[in-house]
PDB file of N, CA and C in Angstrom:
ATOM      1  N   MET A   1      41.130 105.015  -0.684  1.00  0.00           N
ATOM      2  CA  MET A   1      39.944 104.573  -0.002  1.00  0.00           C
ATOM      3  C   MET A   1      40.349 103.640   1.134  1.00  0.00           C
ATOM      4  N   GLU A   2      39.706 103.836   2.242  1.00  0.00           N
ATOM      5  CA  GLU A   2      40.043 103.075   3.436  1.00  0.00           C
ATOM      6  C   GLU A   2      39.310 101.734   3.436  1.00  0.00           C
ATOM      7  N   LYS A   3      40.035 100.681   3.817  1.00  0.00           N
ATOM      8  CA  LYS A   3      39.404  99.365   3.924  1.00  0.00           C
ATOM      9  C   LYS A   3      38.578  99.298   5.183  1.00  0.00           C
ATOM     10  N   LYS A   4      37.397  98.694   5.055  1.00  0.00           N
ATOM     11  CA  LYS A   4      36.534  98.535   6.219  1.00  0.00           C
ATOM     12  C   LYS A   4      36.795  97.181   6.853  1.00  0.00           C
ATOM     13  N   MET A   5      36.767  97.183   8.156  1.00  0.00           N
ATOM     14  CA  MET A   5      36.916  95.948   8.903  1.00  0.00           C
ATOM     15  C   MET A   5      35.549  95.602   9.487  1.00  0.00           C
ATOM     16  N   TYR A   6      35.083  94.417   9.174  1.00  0.00           N
ATOM     17  CA  TYR A   6      33.785  93.955   9.669  1.00  0.00           C
ATOM     18  C   TYR A   6      34.005  92.923  10.762  1.00  0.00           C
ATOM     19  N   SER A   7      33.149  92.999  11.780  1.00  0.00           N
ATOM     20  CA  SER A   7      33.264  92.026  12.867  1.00  0.00           C
ATOM     21  C   SER A   7      32.127  91.003  12.825  1.00  0.00           C
ATOM     22  N   SER A   8      31.110  91.266  11.945  1.00  0.00           N
ATOM     23  CA  SER A   8      30.012  90.306  11.851  1.00  0.00           C
ATOM     24  C   SER A   8      29.403  90.356  10.456  1.00  0.00           C
ATOM     25  N   PHE A   9      28.661  89.292  10.155  1.00  0.00           N
ATOM     26  CA  PHE A   9      27.987  89.231   8.859  1.00  0.00           C
ATOM     27  C   PHE A   9      26.838  90.241   8.782  1.00  0.00           C
ATOM     28  N   GLU A  10      26.285  90.629   9.925  1.00  0.00           N
ATOM     29  CA  GLU A  10      25.199  91.613   9.934  1.00  0.00           C
ATOM     30  C   GLU A  10      25.681  92.964   9.424  1.00  0.00           C
ATOM     31  N   GLN A  11      26.894  93.337   9.779  1.00  0.00           N
ATOM     32  CA  GLN A  11      27.463  94.591   9.294  1.00  0.00           C
ATOM     33  C   GLN A  11      27.661  94.542   7.780  1.00  0.00           C
ATOM     34  N   ILE A  12      28.105  93.400   7.311  1.00  0.00           N
ATOM     35  CA  ILE A  12      28.303  93.237   5.864  1.00  0.00           C
ATOM     36  C   ILE A  12      26.963  93.327   5.148  1.00  0.00           C
ATOM     37  N   GLU A  13      25.955  92.656   5.678  1.00  0.00           N
ATOM     38  CA  GLU A  13      24.622  92.681   5.078  1.00  0.00           C
ATOM     39  C   GLU A  13      24.044  94.100   5.081  1.00  0.00           C
ATOM     40  N   ALA A  14      24.247  94.835   6.182  1.00  0.00           N
ATOM     41  CA  ALA A  14      23.729  96.202   6.266  1.00  0.00           C
ATOM     42  C   ALA A  14      24.385  97.086   5.201  1.00  0.00           C
ATOM     43  N   ASP A  15      25.702  96.963   5.045  1.00  0.00           N
ATOM     44  CA  ASP A  15      26.395  97.744   4.015  1.00  0.00           C
ATOM     45  C   ASP A  15      25.944  97.335   2.611  1.00  0.00           C
ATOM     46  N   LEU A  16      25.708  96.056   2.396  1.00  0.00           N
ATOM     47  CA  LEU A  16      25.230  95.599   1.089  1.00  0.00           C
ATOM     48  C   LEU A  16      23.841  96.149   0.782  1.00  0.00           C
ATOM     49  N   GLU A  17      22.992  96.226   1.796  1.00  0.00           N
ATOM     50  CA  GLU A  17      21.655  96.797   1.603  1.00  0.00           C
ATOM     51  C   GLU A  17      21.752  98.280   1.245  1.00  0.00           C
ATOM     52  N   ILE A  18      22.628  98.995   1.951  1.00  0.00           N
ATOM     53  CA  ILE A  18      22.828 100.419   1.660  1.00  0.00           C
ATOM     54  C   ILE A  18      23.330 100.609   0.238  1.00  0.00           C
ATOM     55  N   LEU A  19      24.292  99.805  -0.163  1.00  0.00           N
ATOM     56  CA  LEU A  19      24.831  99.901  -1.520  1.00  0.00           C
ATOM     57  C   LEU A  19      23.776  99.569  -2.574  1.00  0.00           C
ATOM     58  N   ASP A  20      22.921  98.585  -2.268  1.00  0.00           N
ATOM     59  CA  ASP A  20      21.853  98.220  -3.195  1.00  0.00           C
ATOM     60  C   ASP A  20      20.854  99.366  -3.357  1.00  0.00           C
ATOM     61  N   ILE A  21      20.505 100.009  -2.245  1.00  0.00           N
ATOM     62  CA  ILE A  21      19.563 101.137  -2.313  1.00  0.00           C
ATOM     63  C   ILE A  21      20.193 102.310  -3.070  1.00  0.00           C
ATOM     64  N   GLU A  22      21.463 102.586  -2.820  1.00  0.00           N
ATOM     65  CA  GLU A  22      22.155 103.650  -3.556  1.00  0.00           C
ATOM     66  C   GLU A  22      22.196 103.341  -5.050  1.00  0.00           C
ATOM     67  N   LYS A  23      22.402 102.075  -5.384  1.00  0.00           N
ATOM     68  CA  LYS A  23      22.416 101.661  -6.786  1.00  0.00           C
ATOM     69  C   LYS A  23      21.052 101.892  -7.430  1.00  0.00           C
ATOM     70  N   GLN A  24      19.973 101.560  -6.731  1.00  0.00           N
ATOM     71  CA  GLN A  24      18.623 101.770  -7.254  1.00  0.00           C
ATOM     72  C   GLN A  24      18.324 103.256  -7.440  1.00  0.00           C
ATOM     73  N   ILE A  25      18.760 104.086  -6.482  1.00  0.00           N
ATOM     74  CA  ILE A  25      18.553 105.540  -6.593  1.00  0.00           C
ATOM     75  C   ILE A  25      19.288 106.088  -7.812  1.00  0.00           C
ATOM     76  N   ASN A  26      20.527 105.691  -7.982  1.00  0.00           N
ATOM     77  CA  ASN A  26      21.303 106.163  -9.135  1.00  0.00           C
ATOM     78  C   ASN A  26      20.700 105.695 -10.452  1.00  0.00           C
ATOM     79  N   TYR A  27      20.180 104.482 -10.468  1.00  0.00           N
ATOM     80  CA  TYR A  27      19.530 103.958 -11.671  1.00  0.00           C
ATOM     81  C   TYR A  27      18.300 104.795 -12.012  1.00  0.00           C
ATOM     82  N   GLN A  28      17.501 105.135 -10.996  1.00  0.00           N
ATOM     83  CA  GLN A  28      16.307 105.948 -11.221  1.00  0.00           C
ATOM     84  C   GLN A  28      16.679 107.351 -11.697  1.00  0.00           C
ATOM     85  N   LYS A  29      17.790 107.902 -11.201  1.00  0.00           N
ATOM     86  CA  LYS A  29      18.264 109.203 -11.666  1.00  0.00           C
ATOM     87  C   LYS A  29      18.637 109.148 -13.143  1.00  0.00           C
ATOM     88  N   VAL A  30      19.281 108.072 -13.549  1.00  0.00           N
ATOM     89  CA  VAL A  30      19.654 107.913 -14.957  1.00  0.00           C
ATOM     90  C   VAL A  30      18.402 107.800 -15.822  1.00  0.00           C
ATOM     91  N   ILE A  31      17.427 107.021 -15.382  1.00  0.00           N
ATOM     92  CA  ILE A  31      16.172 106.860 -16.124  1.00  0.00           C
ATOM     93  C   ILE A  31      15.458 108.202 -16.249  1.00  0.00           C
ATOM     94  N   LEU A  32      15.375 108.964 -15.153  1.00  0.00           N
ATOM     95  CA  LEU A  32      14.714 110.268 -15.170  1.00  0.00           C
ATOM     96  C   LEU A  32      15.441 111.232 -16.107  1.00  0.00           C
ATOM     97  N   GLY A  33      16.750 111.237 -16.059  1.00  0.00           N
ATOM     98  CA  GLY A  33      17.530 112.094 -16.960  1.00  0.00           C
ATOM     99  C   GLY A  33      17.300 111.730 -18.416  1.00  0.00           C
ATOM    100  N   PHE A  34      17.228 110.451 -18.698  1.00  0.00           N
ATOM    101  CA  PHE A  34      16.967 109.992 -20.066  1.00  0.00           C
ATOM    102  C   PHE A  34      15.584 110.438 -20.529  1.00  0.00           C
ATOM    103  N   GLN A  35      14.573 110.306 -19.648  1.00  0.00           N
ATOM    104  CA  GLN A  35      13.211 110.711 -20.011  1.00  0.00           C
ATOM    105  C   GLN A  35      13.127 112.215 -20.256  1.00  0.00           C
ATOM    106  N   LYS A  36      13.797 113.013 -19.424  1.00  0.00           N
ATOM    107  CA  LYS A  36      13.785 114.460 -19.621  1.00  0.00           C
ATOM    108  C   LYS A  36      14.460 114.834 -20.937  1.00  0.00           C
ATOM    109  N   THR A  37      15.567 114.171 -21.246  1.00  0.00           N
ATOM    110  CA  THR A  37      16.256 114.440 -22.504  1.00  0.00           C
ATOM    111  C   THR A  37      15.385 114.049 -23.688  1.00  0.00           C
ATOM    112  N   LYS A  38      14.709 112.934 -23.575  1.00  0.00           N
ATOM    113  CA  LYS A  38      13.821 112.461 -24.633  1.00  0.00           C
ATOM    114  C   LYS A  38      12.665 113.444 -24.856  1.00  0.00           C
ATOM    115  N   GLU A  39      12.116 113.994 -23.766  1.00  0.00           N
ATOM    116  CA  GLU A  39      11.024 114.957 -23.869  1.00  0.00           C
ATOM    117  C   GLU A  39      11.468 116.252 -24.546  1.00  0.00           C
ATOM    118  N   GLN A  40      12.734 116.615 -24.375  1.00  0.00           N
ATOM    119  CA  GLN A  40      13.228 117.849 -24.973  1.00  0.00           C
ATOM    120  C   GLN A  40      13.274 117.771 -26.493  1.00  0.00           C
ATOM    121  N   PHE A  41      13.350 116.588 -27.042  1.00  0.00           N
ATOM    122  CA  PHE A  41      13.456 116.431 -28.490  1.00  0.00           C
ATOM    123  C   PHE A  41      12.120 116.129 -29.157  1.00  0.00           C
ATOM    124  N   THR A  42      11.024 116.198 -28.401  1.00  0.00           N
ATOM    125  CA  THR A  42       9.704 116.078 -29.013  1.00  0.00           C
ATOM    126  C   THR A  42       9.307 117.451 -29.549  1.00  0.00           C
ATOM    127  N   PRO A  43       8.374 117.513 -30.504  1.00  0.00           N
ATOM    128  CA  PRO A  43       7.977 118.825 -31.026  1.00  0.00           C
ATOM    129  C   PRO A  43       7.476 119.783 -29.937  1.00  0.00           C
ATOM    130  N   SER A  44       6.700 119.276 -28.978  1.00  0.00           N
ATOM    131  CA  SER A  44       6.217 120.162 -27.914  1.00  0.00           C
ATOM    132  C   SER A  44       7.367 120.602 -27.008  1.00  0.00           C
ATOM    133  N   GLY A  45       8.321 119.745 -26.782  1.00  0.00           N
ATOM    134  CA  GLY A  45       9.470 120.101 -25.953  1.00  0.00           C
ATOM    135  C   GLY A  45      10.346 121.147 -26.612  1.00  0.00           C
ATOM    136  N   ILE A  46      10.519 121.019 -27.920  1.00  0.00           N
ATOM    137  CA  ILE A  46      11.340 121.986 -28.649  1.00  0.00           C
ATOM    138  C   ILE A  46      10.685 123.365 -28.604  1.00  0.00           C
ATOM    139  N   THR A  47       9.368 123.423 -28.863  1.00  0.00           N
ATOM    140  CA  THR A  47       8.698 124.724 -28.846  1.00  0.00           C
ATOM    141  C   THR A  47       8.686 125.310 -27.436  1.00  0.00           C
ATOM    142  N   LYS A  48       8.529 124.462 -26.426  1.00  0.00           N
ATOM    143  CA  LYS A  48       8.530 124.954 -25.047  1.00  0.00           C
ATOM    144  C   LYS A  48       9.870 125.596 -24.720  1.00  0.00           C
ATOM    145  N   HIS A  49      10.973 124.932 -25.076  1.00  0.00           N
ATOM    146  CA  HIS A  49      12.292 125.469 -24.777  1.00  0.00           C
ATOM    147  C   HIS A  49      12.571 126.720 -25.603  1.00  0.00           C
ATOM    148  N   PHE A  50      12.032 126.781 -26.808  1.00  0.00           N
ATOM    149  CA  PHE A  50      12.214 127.970 -27.638  1.00  0.00           C
ATOM    150  C   PHE A  50      11.542 129.166 -26.977  1.00  0.00           C
ATOM    151  N   PHE A  51      10.280 128.994 -26.550  1.00  0.00           N
ATOM    152  CA  PHE A  51       9.553 130.098 -25.943  1.00  0.00           C
ATOM    153  C   PHE A  51      10.079 130.423 -24.549  1.00  0.00           C
ATOM    154  N   ASP A  52      10.592 129.439 -23.829  1.00  0.00           N
ATOM    155  CA  ASP A  52      11.206 129.715 -22.532  1.00  0.00           C
ATOM    156  C   ASP A  52      12.440 130.589 -22.715  1.00  0.00           C
ATOM    157  N   GLY A  53      13.227 130.298 -23.722  1.00  0.00           N
ATOM    158  CA  GLY A  53      14.404 131.112 -24.004  1.00  0.00           C
ATOM    159  C   GLY A  53      14.025 132.504 -24.462  1.00  0.00           C
ATOM    160  N   PHE A  54      12.947 132.597 -25.234  1.00  0.00           N
ATOM    161  CA  PHE A  54      12.486 133.896 -25.736  1.00  0.00           C
ATOM    162  C   PHE A  54      11.970 134.751 -24.584  1.00  0.00           C
ATOM    163  N   THR A  55      11.171 134.170 -23.709  1.00  0.00           N
ATOM    164  CA  THR A  55      10.651 134.936 -22.575  1.00  0.00           C
ATOM    165  C   THR A  55      11.741 135.193 -21.551  1.00  0.00           C
ATOM    166  N   GLY A  56      12.742 134.332 -21.488  1.00  0.00           N
ATOM    167  CA  GLY A  56      13.848 134.556 -20.571  1.00  0.00           C
ATOM    168  C   GLY A  56      14.622 135.813 -20.902  1.00  0.00           C
ATOM    169  N   ALA A  57      14.623 136.183 -22.183  1.00  0.00           N
ATOM    170  CA  ALA A  57      15.302 137.410 -22.579  1.00  0.00           C
ATOM    171  C   ALA A  57      14.609 138.624 -21.994  1.00  0.00           C
ATOM    172  N   PHE A  58      13.289 138.544 -21.797  1.00  0.00           N
ATOM    173  CA  PHE A  58      12.539 139.678 -21.263  1.00  0.00           C
ATOM    174  C   PHE A  58      12.466 139.676 -19.746  1.00  0.00           C
ATOM    175  N   THR A  59      12.861 138.598 -19.117  1.00  0.00           N
ATOM    176  CA  THR A  59      12.814 138.544 -17.656  1.00  0.00           C
ATOM    177  C   THR A  59      14.198 138.473 -17.040  1.00  0.00           C
ATOM    178  N   GLY A  60      15.226 138.429 -17.851  1.00  0.00           N
ATOM    179  CA  GLY A  60      16.588 138.305 -17.344  1.00  0.00           C
ATOM    180  C   GLY A  60      17.179 139.644 -16.967  1.00  0.00           C
ATOM    181  N   SER A  61      18.492 139.712 -17.001  1.00  0.00           N
ATOM    182  CA  SER A  61      19.189 140.917 -16.578  1.00  0.00           C
ATOM    183  C   SER A  61      19.002 142.073 -17.563  1.00  0.00           C
ATOM    184  N   TYR A  62      18.625 141.771 -18.798  1.00  0.00           N
ATOM    185  CA  TYR A  62      18.414 142.823 -19.790  1.00  0.00           C
ATOM    186  C   TYR A  62      16.962 143.293 -19.844  1.00  0.00           C
ATOM    187  N   SER A  63      16.122 142.843 -18.936  1.00  0.00           N
ATOM    188  CA  SER A  63      14.695 143.147 -19.006  1.00  0.00           C
ATOM    189  C   SER A  63      14.424 144.635 -18.911  1.00  0.00           C
ATOM    190  N   ASN A  64      15.215 145.374 -18.147  1.00  0.00           N
ATOM    191  CA  ASN A  64      14.993 146.820 -18.038  1.00  0.00           C
ATOM    192  C   ASN A  64      15.229 147.513 -19.371  1.00  0.00           C
ATOM    193  N   TYR A  65      16.212 147.060 -20.119  1.00  0.00           N
ATOM    194  CA  TYR A  65      16.480 147.651 -21.425  1.00  0.00           C
ATOM    195  C   TYR A  65      15.338 147.377 -22.394  1.00  0.00           C
ATOM    196  N   TYR A  66      14.815 146.160 -22.342  1.00  0.00           N
ATOM    197  CA  TYR A  66      13.695 145.820 -23.216  1.00  0.00           C
ATOM    198  C   TYR A  66      12.455 146.626 -22.845  1.00  0.00           C
ATOM    199  N   LYS A  67      12.239 146.836 -21.551  1.00  0.00           N
ATOM    200  CA  LYS A  67      11.078 147.611 -21.115  1.00  0.00           C
ATOM    201  C   LYS A  67      11.162 149.049 -21.605  1.00  0.00           C
ATOM    202  N   LEU A  68      12.365 149.562 -21.725  1.00  0.00           N
ATOM    203  CA  LEU A  68      12.538 150.911 -22.256  1.00  0.00           C
ATOM    204  C   LEU A  68      12.472 150.925 -23.778  1.00  0.00           C
ATOM    205  N   ALA A  69      13.019 149.919 -24.404  1.00  0.00           N
ATOM    206  CA  ALA A  69      13.129 149.910 -25.860  1.00  0.00           C
ATOM    207  C   ALA A  69      11.814 149.608 -26.560  1.00  0.00           C
ATOM    208  N   ILE A  70      10.975 148.778 -25.979  1.00  0.00           N
ATOM    209  CA  ILE A  70       9.732 148.378 -26.652  1.00  0.00           C
ATOM    210  C   ILE A  70       8.802 149.573 -26.877  1.00  0.00           C
ATOM    211  N   PRO A  71       8.536 150.429 -25.888  1.00  0.00           N
ATOM    212  CA  PRO A  71       7.684 151.587 -26.177  1.00  0.00           C
ATOM    213  C   PRO A  71       8.289 152.527 -27.221  1.00  0.00           C
ATOM    214  N   LEU A  72       9.608 152.698 -27.166  1.00  0.00           N
ATOM    215  CA  LEU A  72      10.258 153.544 -28.173  1.00  0.00           C
ATOM    216  C   LEU A  72      10.126 152.942 -29.565  1.00  0.00           C
ATOM    217  N   LEU A  73      10.249 151.635 -29.670  1.00  0.00           N
ATOM    218  CA  LEU A  73      10.099 150.953 -30.957  1.00  0.00           C
ATOM    219  C   LEU A  73       8.679 151.086 -31.476  1.00  0.00           C
ATOM    220  N   ILE A  74       7.713 150.939 -30.607  1.00  0.00           N
ATOM    221  CA  ILE A  74       6.302 151.071 -31.024  1.00  0.00           C
ATOM    222  C   ILE A  74       6.034 152.496 -31.497  1.00  0.00           C
ATOM    223  N   LYS A  75       6.526 153.484 -30.757  1.00  0.00           N
ATOM    224  CA  LYS A  75       6.345 154.879 -31.154  1.00  0.00           C
ATOM    225  C   LYS A  75       7.001 155.147 -32.503  1.00  0.00           C
ATOM    226  N   TRP A  76       8.186 154.618 -32.715  1.00  0.00           N
ATOM    227  CA  TRP A  76       8.892 154.799 -33.983  1.00  0.00           C
ATOM    228  C   TRP A  76       8.108 154.182 -35.128  1.00  0.00           C
ATOM    229  N   LEU A  77       7.563 152.981 -34.905  1.00  0.00           N
ATOM    230  CA  LEU A  77       6.783 152.319 -35.957  1.00  0.00           C
ATOM    231  C   LEU A  77       5.517 153.112 -36.293  1.00  0.00           C
ATOM    232  N   ILE A  78       4.855 153.636 -35.271  1.00  0.00           N
ATOM    233  CA  ILE A  78       3.636 154.422 -35.513  1.00  0.00           C
ATOM    234  C   ILE A  78       3.980 155.682 -36.299  1.00  0.00           C
ATOM    235  N   ASN A  79       5.035 156.383 -35.914  1.00  0.00           N
ATOM    236  CA  ASN A  79       5.441 157.588 -36.636  1.00  0.00           C
ATOM    237  C   ASN A  79       5.870 157.275 -38.051  1.00  0.00           C
ATOM    238  N   ARG A  80       6.488 156.141 -38.249  1.00  0.00           N
ATOM    239  CA  ARG A  80       6.942 155.746 -39.581  1.00  0.00           C
ATOM    240  C   ARG A  80       5.748 155.490 -40.500  1.00  0.00           C
ATOM    241  N   LYS A  81       4.720 154.828 -39.959  1.00  0.00           N
ATOM    242  CA  LYS A  81       3.513 154.538 -40.765  1.00  0.00           C
ATOM    243  C   LYS A  81       2.775 155.837 -41.093  1.00  0.00           C
ATOM    244  N   ARG A  82       2.746 156.771 -40.161  1.00  0.00           N
ATOM    245  CA  ARG A  82       2.069 158.054 -40.399  1.00  0.00           C
ATOM    246  C   ARG A  82       2.771 158.862 -41.476  1.00  0.00           C
ATOM    247  N   SER A  83       4.082 158.786 -41.527  1.00  0.00           N
ATOM    248  CA  SER A  83       4.830 159.596 -42.494  1.00  0.00           C
ATOM    249  C   SER A  83       4.738 159.042 -43.919  1.00  0.00           C
ATOM    250  N   HIS A  84       4.360 157.792 -44.084  1.00  0.00           N
ATOM    251  CA  HIS A  84       4.254 157.208 -45.435  1.00  0.00           C
ATOM    252  C   HIS A  84       2.890 157.308 -45.923  1.00  0.00           C
TER     253      HIS A  84
END
């Protein structure tokens, strides 16, 4: 890291203000991350993530296979019930 050379106290103050604002931004990011993590472990958060993962299977790269397989599965179930 390169050392900075300051020629006035105003430059030092300006850099300190920038560092203070960056520190506040990073602190808020940590707080937001903590809140999001906390929300994930609530009962509503757990069910939301469960259903998001479940629906993601039908909208992801395998969605075409599911679109083909579901009608075939329904037809098979109907034929199976008719035969019994």
